[in-house]
Amino acid sequence: MEFHLDSDIFDIISSKDKDVEIRLNDEKRRRLHVGDTLVFLKRPDDKESIKATITNLVYFNSFLEVADYYEMKRIYLDNTSSEDYINLMKRFYSDEEVEKYGVVAIEFKLI
């Protein structure tokens, strides 16, 4: 499965600082399984890519639960507050979507 990432997120995955990708647990993400290959593509042109293998899938009801569960450096940037992280995720996903689908933490290892 492919994931399109902004350059800052792509770079922290590339440097192996981030090893968990958080997404809405919608129909697309419900097809993921441990052992599947992920391809991270760097926006805007998607010419750079990184491959990874899913090592674990962890499910949550909210981004607050995610922020409480993981060290911030594993899911975003080390010096980010939980509040800032949650506000960032609200730019991508509405409260209604999160309530409907929940959230999945995709733990991975670079190939």
PDB file of N, CA and C in Angstrom:
ATOM      1  N   MET A   1       0.845  -1.172   0.000  1.00  0.00           N
ATOM      2  CA  MET A   1       0.000   0.000   0.000  1.00  0.00           C
ATOM      3  C   MET A   1       0.893   1.238   0.000  1.00  0.00           C
ATOM      4  N   GLU A   2       0.458   2.245  -0.702  1.00  0.00           N
ATOM      5  CA  GLU A   2       1.211   3.494  -0.787  1.00  0.00           C
ATOM      6  C   GLU A   2       0.642   4.549   0.157  1.00  0.00           C
ATOM      7  N   PHE A   3       1.566   5.314   0.753  1.00  0.00           N
ATOM      8  CA  PHE A   3       1.204   6.447   1.592  1.00  0.00           C
ATOM      9  C   PHE A   3       1.956   7.663   1.076  1.00  0.00           C
ATOM     10  N   HIS A   4       1.241   8.729   0.802  1.00  0.00           N
ATOM     11  CA  HIS A   4       1.844   9.976   0.341  1.00  0.00           C
ATOM     12  C   HIS A   4       2.135  10.841   1.564  1.00  0.00           C
ATOM     13  N   LEU A   5       3.390  11.296   1.681  1.00  0.00           N
ATOM     14  CA  LEU A   5       3.818  12.044   2.855  1.00  0.00           C
ATOM     15  C   LEU A   5       4.410  13.384   2.478  1.00  0.00           C
ATOM     16  N   ASP A   6       4.168  14.387   3.316  1.00  0.00           N
ATOM     17  CA  ASP A   6       4.853  15.666   3.157  1.00  0.00           C
ATOM     18  C   ASP A   6       6.349  15.430   3.393  1.00  0.00           C
ATOM     19  N   SER A   7       7.169  16.289   2.836  1.00  0.00           N
ATOM     20  CA  SER A   7       8.617  16.072   2.863  1.00  0.00           C
ATOM     21  C   SER A   7       9.186  15.988   4.277  1.00  0.00           C
ATOM     22  N   ASP A   8       8.654  16.773   5.228  1.00  0.00           N
ATOM     23  CA  ASP A   8       9.206  16.717   6.592  1.00  0.00           C
ATOM     24  C   ASP A   8       8.973  15.357   7.242  1.00  0.00           C
ATOM     25  N   ILE A   9       7.803  14.779   7.030  1.00  0.00           N
ATOM     26  CA  ILE A   9       7.507  13.458   7.591  1.00  0.00           C
ATOM     27  C   ILE A   9       8.306  12.387   6.865  1.00  0.00           C
ATOM     28  N   PHE A  10       8.388  12.489   5.556  1.00  0.00           N
ATOM     29  CA  PHE A  10       9.186  11.547   4.775  1.00  0.00           C
ATOM     30  C   PHE A  10      10.625  11.524   5.286  1.00  0.00           C
ATOM     31  N   ASP A  11      11.179  12.698   5.550  1.00  0.00           N
ATOM     32  CA  ASP A  11      12.570  12.797   5.993  1.00  0.00           C
ATOM     33  C   ASP A  11      12.800  12.172   7.366  1.00  0.00           C
ATOM     34  N   ILE A  12      11.847  12.319   8.293  1.00  0.00           N
ATOM     35  CA  ILE A  12      12.067  11.712   9.611  1.00  0.00           C
ATOM     36  C   ILE A  12      11.863  10.196   9.568  1.00  0.00           C
ATOM     37  N   ILE A  13      11.064   9.709   8.632  1.00  0.00           N
ATOM     38  CA  ILE A  13      10.979   8.259   8.433  1.00  0.00           C
ATOM     39  C   ILE A  13      12.281   7.761   7.817  1.00  0.00           C
ATOM     40  N   SER A  14      12.773   8.479   6.830  1.00  0.00           N
ATOM     41  CA  SER A  14      14.021   8.106   6.163  1.00  0.00           C
ATOM     42  C   SER A  14      15.193   8.037   7.142  1.00  0.00           C
ATOM     43  N   SER A  15      15.205   8.932   8.116  1.00  0.00           N
ATOM     44  CA  SER A  15      16.285   8.959   9.111  1.00  0.00           C
ATOM     45  C   SER A  15      16.064   7.938  10.234  1.00  0.00           C
ATOM     46  N   LYS A  16      14.981   7.177  10.137  1.00  0.00           N
ATOM     47  CA  LYS A  16      14.624   6.127  11.103  1.00  0.00           C
ATOM     48  C   LYS A  16      14.226   6.674  12.474  1.00  0.00           C
ATOM     49  N   ASP A  17      13.883   7.953  12.546  1.00  0.00           N
ATOM     50  CA  ASP A  17      13.422   8.531  13.808  1.00  0.00           C
ATOM     51  C   ASP A  17      11.948   8.223  14.072  1.00  0.00           C
ATOM     52  N   LYS A  18      11.173   8.068  13.022  1.00  0.00           N
ATOM     53  CA  LYS A  18       9.732   7.802  13.139  1.00  0.00           C
ATOM     54  C   LYS A  18       9.489   6.379  12.644  1.00  0.00           C
ATOM     55  N   ASP A  19       8.813   5.571  13.463  1.00  0.00           N
ATOM     56  CA  ASP A  19       8.543   4.193  13.052  1.00  0.00           C
ATOM     57  C   ASP A  19       7.082   3.779  13.231  1.00  0.00           C
ATOM     58  N   VAL A  20       6.216   4.779  13.354  1.00  0.00           N
ATOM     59  CA  VAL A  20       4.783   4.526  13.457  1.00  0.00           C
ATOM     60  C   VAL A  20       4.056   5.575  12.614  1.00  0.00           C
ATOM     61  N   GLU A  21       3.216   5.122  11.703  1.00  0.00           N
ATOM     62  CA  GLU A  21       2.399   6.021  10.890  1.00  0.00           C
ATOM     63  C   GLU A  21       0.964   5.913  11.398  1.00  0.00           C
ATOM     64  N   ILE A  22       0.346   7.048  11.656  1.00  0.00           N
ATOM     65  CA  ILE A  22      -1.009   7.088  12.198  1.00  0.00           C
ATOM     66  C   ILE A  22      -1.971   7.505  11.089  1.00  0.00           C
ATOM     67  N   ARG A  23      -3.021   6.729  10.926  1.00  0.00           N
ATOM     68  CA  ARG A  23      -4.028   7.021   9.909  1.00  0.00           C
ATOM     69  C   ARG A  23      -5.419   6.706  10.439  1.00  0.00           C
ATOM     70  N   LEU A  24      -6.409   7.259   9.761  1.00  0.00           N
ATOM     71  CA  LEU A  24      -7.787   6.898  10.009  1.00  0.00           C
ATOM     72  C   LEU A  24      -7.946   5.418   9.665  1.00  0.00           C
ATOM     73  N   ASN A  25      -8.684   4.682  10.456  1.00  0.00           N
ATOM     74  CA  ASN A  25      -8.868   3.249  10.189  1.00  0.00           C
ATOM     75  C   ASN A  25     -10.070   3.038   9.263  1.00  0.00           C
ATOM     76  N   ASP A  26      -9.990   3.655   8.097  1.00  0.00           N
ATOM     77  CA  ASP A  26     -11.079   3.554   7.125  1.00  0.00           C
ATOM     78  C   ASP A  26     -10.967   2.248   6.332  1.00  0.00           C
ATOM     79  N   GLU A  27     -11.807   2.101   5.316  1.00  0.00           N
ATOM     80  CA  GLU A  27     -11.849   0.859   4.540  1.00  0.00           C
ATOM     81  C   GLU A  27     -10.488   0.508   3.945  1.00  0.00           C
ATOM     82  N   LYS A  28      -9.769   1.504   3.466  1.00  0.00           N
ATOM     83  CA  LYS A  28      -8.452   1.265   2.858  1.00  0.00           C
ATOM     84  C   LYS A  28      -7.482   0.674   3.874  1.00  0.00           C
ATOM     85  N   ARG A  29      -7.399   1.264   5.054  1.00  0.00           N
ATOM     86  CA  ARG A  29      -6.452   0.806   6.080  1.00  0.00           C
ATOM     87  C   ARG A  29      -6.884  -0.500   6.731  1.00  0.00           C
ATOM     88  N   ARG A  30      -8.143  -0.836   6.666  1.00  0.00           N
ATOM     89  CA  ARG A  30      -8.606  -2.100   7.241  1.00  0.00           C
ATOM     90  C   ARG A  30      -8.121  -3.301   6.445  1.00  0.00           C
ATOM     91  N   ARG A  31      -7.573  -3.060   5.268  1.00  0.00           N
ATOM     92  CA  ARG A  31      -7.013  -4.151   4.454  1.00  0.00           C
ATOM     93  C   ARG A  31      -5.551  -4.435   4.795  1.00  0.00           C
ATOM     94  N   LEU A  32      -4.969  -3.669   5.711  1.00  0.00           N
ATOM     95  CA  LEU A  32      -3.570  -3.859   6.095  1.00  0.00           C
ATOM     96  C   LEU A  32      -3.410  -5.046   7.041  1.00  0.00           C
ATOM     97  N   HIS A  33      -2.264  -5.732   6.906  1.00  0.00           N
ATOM     98  CA  HIS A  33      -1.931  -6.853   7.779  1.00  0.00           C
ATOM     99  C   HIS A  33      -0.459  -6.791   8.154  1.00  0.00           C
ATOM    100  N   VAL A  34      -0.131  -7.340   9.302  1.00  0.00           N
ATOM    101  CA  VAL A  34       1.274  -7.465   9.697  1.00  0.00           C
ATOM    102  C   VAL A  34       1.989  -8.268   8.604  1.00  0.00           C
ATOM    103  N   GLY A  35       3.152  -7.786   8.205  1.00  0.00           N
ATOM    104  CA  GLY A  35       3.929  -8.423   7.139  1.00  0.00           C
ATOM    105  C   GLY A  35       3.764  -7.765   5.781  1.00  0.00           C
ATOM    106  N   ASP A  36       2.716  -6.959   5.613  1.00  0.00           N
ATOM    107  CA  ASP A  36       2.513  -6.247   4.345  1.00  0.00           C
ATOM    108  C   ASP A  36       3.631  -5.235   4.115  1.00  0.00           C
ATOM    109  N   THR A  37       3.873  -4.931   2.855  1.00  0.00           N
ATOM    110  CA  THR A  37       4.857  -3.914   2.481  1.00  0.00           C
ATOM    111  C   THR A  37       4.159  -2.578   2.283  1.00  0.00           C
ATOM    112  N   LEU A  38       4.762  -1.537   2.843  1.00  0.00           N
ATOM    113  CA  LEU A  38       4.300  -0.161   2.648  1.00  0.00           C
ATOM    114  C   LEU A  38       5.293   0.552   1.748  1.00  0.00           C
ATOM    115  N   VAL A  39       4.790   1.465   0.953  1.00  0.00           N
ATOM    116  CA  VAL A  39       5.654   2.343   0.165  1.00  0.00           C
ATOM    117  C   VAL A  39       5.290   3.779   0.529  1.00  0.00           C
ATOM    118  N   PHE A  40       6.259   4.479   1.119  1.00  0.00           N
ATOM    119  CA  PHE A  40       6.068   5.885   1.456  1.00  0.00           C
ATOM    120  C   PHE A  40       6.593   6.721   0.297  1.00  0.00           C
ATOM    121  N   LEU A  41       5.757   7.625  -0.211  1.00  0.00           N
ATOM    122  CA  LEU A  41       6.113   8.482  -1.332  1.00  0.00           C
ATOM    123  C   LEU A  41       6.209   9.924  -0.862  1.00  0.00           C
ATOM    124  N   LYS A  42       7.261  10.603  -1.303  1.00  0.00           N
ATOM    125  CA  LYS A  42       7.520  11.981  -0.877  1.00  0.00           C
ATOM    126  C   LYS A  42       6.810  12.967  -1.797  1.00  0.00           C
ATOM    127  N   ARG A  43       5.915  13.753  -1.215  1.00  0.00           N
ATOM    128  CA  ARG A  43       5.226  14.804  -1.961  1.00  0.00           C
ATOM    129  C   ARG A  43       6.195  15.937  -2.259  1.00  0.00           C
ATOM    130  N   PRO A  44       6.028  16.718  -3.275  1.00  0.00           N
ATOM    131  CA  PRO A  44       4.826  16.797  -4.106  1.00  0.00           C
ATOM    132  C   PRO A  44       4.861  15.888  -5.334  1.00  0.00           C
ATOM    133  N   ASP A  45       6.032  15.426  -5.747  1.00  0.00           N
ATOM    134  CA  ASP A  45       6.103  14.698  -7.018  1.00  0.00           C
ATOM    135  C   ASP A  45       6.108  13.180  -6.880  1.00  0.00           C
ATOM    136  N   ASP A  46       6.195  12.655  -5.665  1.00  0.00           N
ATOM    137  CA  ASP A  46       6.172  11.214  -5.408  1.00  0.00           C
ATOM    138  C   ASP A  46       7.307  10.458  -6.092  1.00  0.00           C
ATOM    139  N   LYS A  47       8.419  11.136  -6.387  1.00  0.00           N
ATOM    140  CA  LYS A  47       9.536  10.467  -7.070  1.00  0.00           C
ATOM    141  C   LYS A  47      10.448   9.723  -6.098  1.00  0.00           C
ATOM    142  N   GLU A  48      10.541  10.176  -4.860  1.00  0.00           N
ATOM    143  CA  GLU A  48      11.339   9.481  -3.854  1.00  0.00           C
ATOM    144  C   GLU A  48      10.427   8.549  -3.070  1.00  0.00           C
ATOM    145  N   SER A  49      10.959   7.368  -2.745  1.00  0.00           N
ATOM    146  CA  SER A  49      10.146   6.413  -1.996  1.00  0.00           C
ATOM    147  C   SER A  49      10.994   5.660  -0.974  1.00  0.00           C
ATOM    148  N   ILE A  50      10.317   5.145   0.027  1.00  0.00           N
ATOM    149  CA  ILE A  50      10.909   4.308   1.060  1.00  0.00           C
ATOM    150  C   ILE A  50       9.980   3.116   1.231  1.00  0.00           C
ATOM    151  N   LYS A  51      10.557   1.921   1.342  1.00  0.00           N
ATOM    152  CA  LYS A  51       9.753   0.732   1.594  1.00  0.00           C
ATOM    153  C   LYS A  51       9.913   0.294   3.045  1.00  0.00           C
ATOM    154  N   ALA A  52       8.824  -0.230   3.581  1.00  0.00           N
ATOM    155  CA  ALA A  52       8.814  -0.706   4.959  1.00  0.00           C
ATOM    156  C   ALA A  52       7.890  -1.910   5.070  1.00  0.00           C
ATOM    157  N   THR A  53       8.085  -2.674   6.122  1.00  0.00           N
ATOM    158  CA  THR A  53       7.226  -3.815   6.418  1.00  0.00           C
ATOM    159  C   THR A  53       6.441  -3.516   7.685  1.00  0.00           C
ATOM    160  N   ILE A  54       5.148  -3.813   7.666  1.00  0.00           N
ATOM    161  CA  ILE A  54       4.313  -3.620   8.850  1.00  0.00           C
ATOM    162  C   ILE A  54       4.695  -4.662   9.895  1.00  0.00           C
ATOM    163  N   THR A  55       5.014  -4.194  11.113  1.00  0.00           N
ATOM    164  CA  THR A  55       5.374  -5.100  12.200  1.00  0.00           C
ATOM    165  C   THR A  55       4.259  -5.242  13.238  1.00  0.00           C
ATOM    166  N   ASN A  56       3.348  -4.258  13.279  1.00  0.00           N
ATOM    167  CA  ASN A  56       2.243  -4.314  14.243  1.00  0.00           C
ATOM    168  C   ASN A  56       1.188  -3.295  13.855  1.00  0.00           C
ATOM    169  N   LEU A  57      -0.050  -3.588  14.190  1.00  0.00           N
ATOM    170  CA  LEU A  57      -1.172  -2.672  14.006  1.00  0.00           C
ATOM    171  C   LEU A  57      -1.854  -2.505  15.356  1.00  0.00           C
ATOM    172  N   VAL A  58      -2.004  -1.252  15.800  1.00  0.00           N
ATOM    173  CA  VAL A  58      -2.624  -0.973  17.086  1.00  0.00           C
ATOM    174  C   VAL A  58      -3.794  -0.022  16.833  1.00  0.00           C
ATOM    175  N   TYR A  59      -4.945  -0.331  17.417  1.00  0.00           N
ATOM    176  CA  TYR A  59      -6.166   0.412  17.139  1.00  0.00           C
ATOM    177  C   TYR A  59      -6.574   1.286  18.321  1.00  0.00           C
ATOM    178  N   PHE A  60      -7.079   2.484  17.985  1.00  0.00           N
ATOM    179  CA  PHE A  60      -7.459   3.470  18.999  1.00  0.00           C
ATOM    180  C   PHE A  60      -8.779   4.110  18.608  1.00  0.00           C
ATOM    181  N   ASN A  61      -9.424   4.740  19.597  1.00  0.00           N
ATOM    182  CA  ASN A  61     -10.661   5.468  19.351  1.00  0.00           C
ATOM    183  C   ASN A  61     -10.424   6.936  19.006  1.00  0.00           C
ATOM    184  N   SER A  62      -9.213   7.448  19.317  1.00  0.00           N
ATOM    185  CA  SER A  62      -8.958   8.872  19.106  1.00  0.00           C
ATOM    186  C   SER A  62      -7.461   9.132  18.977  1.00  0.00           C
ATOM    187  N   PHE A  63      -7.134  10.317  18.492  1.00  0.00           N
ATOM    188  CA  PHE A  63      -5.732  10.723  18.416  1.00  0.00           C
ATOM    189  C   PHE A  63      -5.169  11.017  19.804  1.00  0.00           C
ATOM    190  N   LEU A  64      -6.028  11.396  20.739  1.00  0.00           N
ATOM    191  CA  LEU A  64      -5.580  11.585  22.117  1.00  0.00           C
ATOM    192  C   LEU A  64      -5.052  10.270  22.691  1.00  0.00           C
ATOM    193  N   GLU A  65      -5.763   9.181  22.444  1.00  0.00           N
ATOM    194  CA  GLU A  65      -5.296   7.867  22.900  1.00  0.00           C
ATOM    195  C   GLU A  65      -3.941   7.525  22.280  1.00  0.00           C
ATOM    196  N   VAL A  66      -3.773   7.839  21.010  1.00  0.00           N
ATOM    197  CA  VAL A  66      -2.496   7.593  20.327  1.00  0.00           C
ATOM    198  C   VAL A  66      -1.378   8.387  20.996  1.00  0.00           C
ATOM    199  N   ALA A  67      -1.636   9.666  21.238  1.00  0.00           N
ATOM    200  CA  ALA A  67      -0.625  10.543  21.835  1.00  0.00           C
ATOM    201  C   ALA A  67      -0.264  10.100  23.254  1.00  0.00           C
ATOM    202  N   ASP A  68      -1.219   9.525  23.972  1.00  0.00           N
ATOM    203  CA  ASP A  68      -0.945   9.019  25.319  1.00  0.00           C
ATOM    204  C   ASP A  68      -0.172   7.703  25.296  1.00  0.00           C
ATOM    205  N   TYR A  69      -0.338   6.929  24.244  1.00  0.00           N
ATOM    206  CA  TYR A  69       0.243   5.586  24.142  1.00  0.00           C
ATOM    207  C   TYR A  69       1.706   5.598  23.678  1.00  0.00           C
ATOM    208  N   TYR A  70       2.006   6.434  22.686  1.00  0.00           N
ATOM    209  CA  TYR A  70       3.343   6.443  22.071  1.00  0.00           C
ATOM    210  C   TYR A  70       4.172   7.637  22.517  1.00  0.00           C
ATOM    211  N   GLU A  71       5.497   7.437  22.517  1.00  0.00           N
ATOM    212  CA  GLU A  71       6.403   8.572  22.623  1.00  0.00           C
ATOM    213  C   GLU A  71       6.204   9.401  21.364  1.00  0.00           C
ATOM    214  N   MET A  72       6.168  10.717  21.498  1.00  0.00           N
ATOM    215  CA  MET A  72       5.876  11.577  20.361  1.00  0.00           C
ATOM    216  C   MET A  72       6.875  11.380  19.213  1.00  0.00           C
ATOM    217  N   LYS A  73       8.136  11.120  19.518  1.00  0.00           N
ATOM    218  CA  LYS A  73       9.131  10.979  18.446  1.00  0.00           C
ATOM    219  C   LYS A  73       8.864   9.758  17.570  1.00  0.00           C
ATOM    220  N   ARG A  74       8.096   8.788  18.055  1.00  0.00           N
ATOM    221  CA  ARG A  74       7.771   7.622  17.221  1.00  0.00           C
ATOM    222  C   ARG A  74       6.645   7.920  16.234  1.00  0.00           C
ATOM    223  N   ILE A  75       5.800   8.912  16.551  1.00  0.00           N
ATOM    224  CA  ILE A  75       4.642   9.187  15.680  1.00  0.00           C
ATOM    225  C   ILE A  75       4.730  10.520  14.947  1.00  0.00           C
ATOM    226  N   TYR A  76       5.576  11.433  15.428  1.00  0.00           N
ATOM    227  CA  TYR A  76       5.709  12.723  14.752  1.00  0.00           C
ATOM    228  C   TYR A  76       7.081  13.308  15.054  1.00  0.00           C
ATOM    229  N   LEU A  77       7.144  14.439  15.692  1.00  0.00           N
ATOM    230  CA  LEU A  77       8.412  15.073  16.035  1.00  0.00           C
ATOM    231  C   LEU A  77       8.569  15.086  17.542  1.00  0.00           C
ATOM    232  N   ASP A  78       9.774  14.840  18.010  1.00  0.00           N
ATOM    233  CA  ASP A  78      10.055  14.662  19.435  1.00  0.00           C
ATOM    234  C   ASP A  78       9.554  15.806  20.314  1.00  0.00           C
ATOM    235  N   ASN A  79       9.696  17.028  19.893  1.00  0.00           N
ATOM    236  CA  ASN A  79       9.352  18.176  20.737  1.00  0.00           C
ATOM    237  C   ASN A  79       7.926  18.676  20.554  1.00  0.00           C
ATOM    238  N   THR A  80       7.074  17.883  19.947  1.00  0.00           N
ATOM    239  CA  THR A  80       5.689  18.272  19.714  1.00  0.00           C
ATOM    240  C   THR A  80       4.839  17.908  20.936  1.00  0.00           C
ATOM    241  N   SER A  81       3.983  18.822  21.342  1.00  0.00           N
ATOM    242  CA  SER A  81       3.070  18.513  22.454  1.00  0.00           C
ATOM    243  C   SER A  81       1.914  17.659  21.936  1.00  0.00           C
ATOM    244  N   SER A  82       1.280  16.949  22.838  1.00  0.00           N
ATOM    245  CA  SER A  82       0.109  16.151  22.470  1.00  0.00           C
ATOM    246  C   SER A  82      -0.975  17.028  21.857  1.00  0.00           C
ATOM    247  N   GLU A  83      -1.175  18.208  22.442  1.00  0.00           N
ATOM    248  CA  GLU A  83      -2.197  19.134  21.931  1.00  0.00           C
ATOM    249  C   GLU A  83      -1.890  19.564  20.498  1.00  0.00           C
ATOM    250  N   ASP A  84      -0.633  19.909  20.220  1.00  0.00           N
ATOM    251  CA  ASP A  84      -0.252  20.309  18.864  1.00  0.00           C
ATOM    252  C   ASP A  84      -0.422  19.155  17.884  1.00  0.00           C
ATOM    253  N   TYR A  85      -0.074  17.954  18.322  1.00  0.00           N
ATOM    254  CA  TYR A  85      -0.226  16.772  17.465  1.00  0.00           C
ATOM    255  C   TYR A  85      -1.694  16.534  17.120  1.00  0.00           C
ATOM    256  N   ILE A  86      -2.548  16.592  18.115  1.00  0.00           N
ATOM    257  CA  ILE A  86      -3.982  16.377  17.889  1.00  0.00           C
ATOM    258  C   ILE A  86      -4.542  17.442  16.944  1.00  0.00           C
ATOM    259  N   ASN A  87      -4.155  18.696  17.126  1.00  0.00           N
ATOM    260  CA  ASN A  87      -4.610  19.762  16.227  1.00  0.00           C
ATOM    261  C   ASN A  87      -4.111  19.541  14.803  1.00  0.00           C
ATOM    262  N   LEU A  88      -2.903  19.055  14.664  1.00  0.00           N
ATOM    263  CA  LEU A  88      -2.369  18.742  13.335  1.00  0.00           C
ATOM    264  C   LEU A  88      -3.212  17.659  12.670  1.00  0.00           C
ATOM    265  N   MET A  89      -3.522  16.611  13.392  1.00  0.00           N
ATOM    266  CA  MET A  89      -4.287  15.505  12.817  1.00  0.00           C
ATOM    267  C   MET A  89      -5.699  15.939  12.443  1.00  0.00           C
ATOM    268  N   LYS A  90      -6.239  16.931  13.156  1.00  0.00           N
ATOM    269  CA  LYS A  90      -7.570  17.444  12.823  1.00  0.00           C
ATOM    270  C   LYS A  90      -7.583  18.186  11.485  1.00  0.00           C
ATOM    271  N   ARG A  91      -6.421  18.584  11.009  1.00  0.00           N
ATOM    272  CA  ARG A  91      -6.332  19.185   9.666  1.00  0.00           C
ATOM    273  C   ARG A  91      -6.632  18.144   8.594  1.00  0.00           C
ATOM    274  N   PHE A  92      -6.336  16.883   8.893  1.00  0.00           N
ATOM    275  CA  PHE A  92      -6.504  15.803   7.918  1.00  0.00           C
ATOM    276  C   PHE A  92      -7.811  15.044   8.090  1.00  0.00           C
ATOM    277  N   TYR A  93      -8.243  14.893   9.343  1.00  0.00           N
ATOM    278  CA  TYR A  93      -9.413  14.061   9.625  1.00  0.00           C
ATOM    279  C   TYR A  93     -10.375  14.790  10.557  1.00  0.00           C
ATOM    280  N   SER A  94     -11.661  14.745  10.224  1.00  0.00           N
ATOM    281  CA  SER A  94     -12.674  15.402  11.054  1.00  0.00           C
ATOM    282  C   SER A  94     -13.002  14.534  12.270  1.00  0.00           C
ATOM    283  N   ASP A  95     -13.581  15.165  13.283  1.00  0.00           N
ATOM    284  CA  ASP A  95     -14.019  14.430  14.469  1.00  0.00           C
ATOM    285  C   ASP A  95     -15.034  13.351  14.093  1.00  0.00           C
ATOM    286  N   GLU A  96     -15.878  13.649  13.117  1.00  0.00           N
ATOM    287  CA  GLU A  96     -16.889  12.685  12.672  1.00  0.00           C
ATOM    288  C   GLU A  96     -16.239  11.455  12.050  1.00  0.00           C
ATOM    289  N   GLU A  97     -15.187  11.659  11.244  1.00  0.00           N
ATOM    290  CA  GLU A  97     -14.483  10.524  10.635  1.00  0.00           C
ATOM    291  C   GLU A  97     -13.808   9.663  11.700  1.00  0.00           C
ATOM    292  N   VAL A  98     -13.180  10.322  12.666  1.00  0.00           N
ATOM    293  CA  VAL A  98     -12.499   9.585  13.743  1.00  0.00           C
ATOM    294  C   VAL A  98     -13.518   8.782  14.549  1.00  0.00           C
ATOM    295  N   GLU A  99     -14.650   9.380  14.843  1.00  0.00           N
ATOM    296  CA  GLU A  99     -15.689   8.670  15.589  1.00  0.00           C
ATOM    297  C   GLU A  99     -16.226   7.477  14.798  1.00  0.00           C
ATOM    298  N   LYS A 100     -16.367   7.640  13.501  1.00  0.00           N
ATOM    299  CA  LYS A 100     -16.913   6.575  12.651  1.00  0.00           C
ATOM    300  C   LYS A 100     -15.925   5.419  12.470  1.00  0.00           C
ATOM    301  N   TYR A 101     -14.643   5.739  12.185  1.00  0.00           N
ATOM    302  CA  TYR A 101     -13.681   4.707  11.806  1.00  0.00           C
ATOM    303  C   TYR A 101     -12.668   4.340  12.893  1.00  0.00           C
ATOM    304  N   GLY A 102     -12.380   5.259  13.784  1.00  0.00           N
ATOM    305  CA  GLY A 102     -11.287   5.039  14.715  1.00  0.00           C
ATOM    306  C   GLY A 102      -9.957   5.333  14.039  1.00  0.00           C
ATOM    307  N   VAL A 103      -8.889   5.004  14.733  1.00  0.00           N
ATOM    308  CA  VAL A 103      -7.545   5.337  14.287  1.00  0.00           C
ATOM    309  C   VAL A 103      -6.684   4.077  14.355  1.00  0.00           C
ATOM    310  N   VAL A 104      -5.778   3.921  13.392  1.00  0.00           N
ATOM    311  CA  VAL A 104      -4.852   2.802  13.421  1.00  0.00           C
ATOM    312  C   VAL A 104      -3.423   3.322  13.456  1.00  0.00           C
ATOM    313  N   ALA A 105      -2.630   2.732  14.344  1.00  0.00           N
ATOM    314  CA  ALA A 105      -1.190   3.018  14.402  1.00  0.00           C
ATOM    315  C   ALA A 105      -0.500   1.879  13.654  1.00  0.00           C
ATOM    316  N   ILE A 106       0.211   2.236  12.611  1.00  0.00           N
ATOM    317  CA  ILE A 106       0.890   1.262  11.769  1.00  0.00           C
ATOM    318  C   ILE A 106       2.367   1.271  12.134  1.00  0.00           C
ATOM    319  N   GLU A 107       2.790   0.296  12.914  1.00  0.00           N
ATOM    320  CA  GLU A 107       4.201   0.203  13.283  1.00  0.00           C
ATOM    321  C   GLU A 107       4.922  -0.493  12.137  1.00  0.00           C
ATOM    322  N   PHE A 108       6.120   0.002  11.824  1.00  0.00           N
ATOM    323  CA  PHE A 108       6.825  -0.540  10.653  1.00  0.00           C
ATOM    324  C   PHE A 108       8.332  -0.552  10.860  1.00  0.00           C
ATOM    325  N   LYS A 109       8.993  -1.324  10.004  1.00  0.00           N
ATOM    326  CA  LYS A 109      10.448  -1.371   9.957  1.00  0.00           C
ATOM    327  C   LYS A 109      10.859  -1.156   8.515  1.00  0.00           C
ATOM    328  N   LEU A 110      11.821  -0.253   8.301  1.00  0.00           N
ATOM    329  CA  LEU A 110      12.289   0.003   6.943  1.00  0.00           C
ATOM    330  C   LEU A 110      12.953  -1.239   6.371  1.00  0.00           C
ATOM    331  N   ILE A 111      12.759  -1.418   5.078  1.00  0.00           N
ATOM    332  CA  ILE A 111      13.374  -2.555   4.373  1.00  0.00           C
ATOM    333  C   ILE A 111      14.728  -2.121   3.826  1.00  0.00           C
TER     334      ILE A 111
END
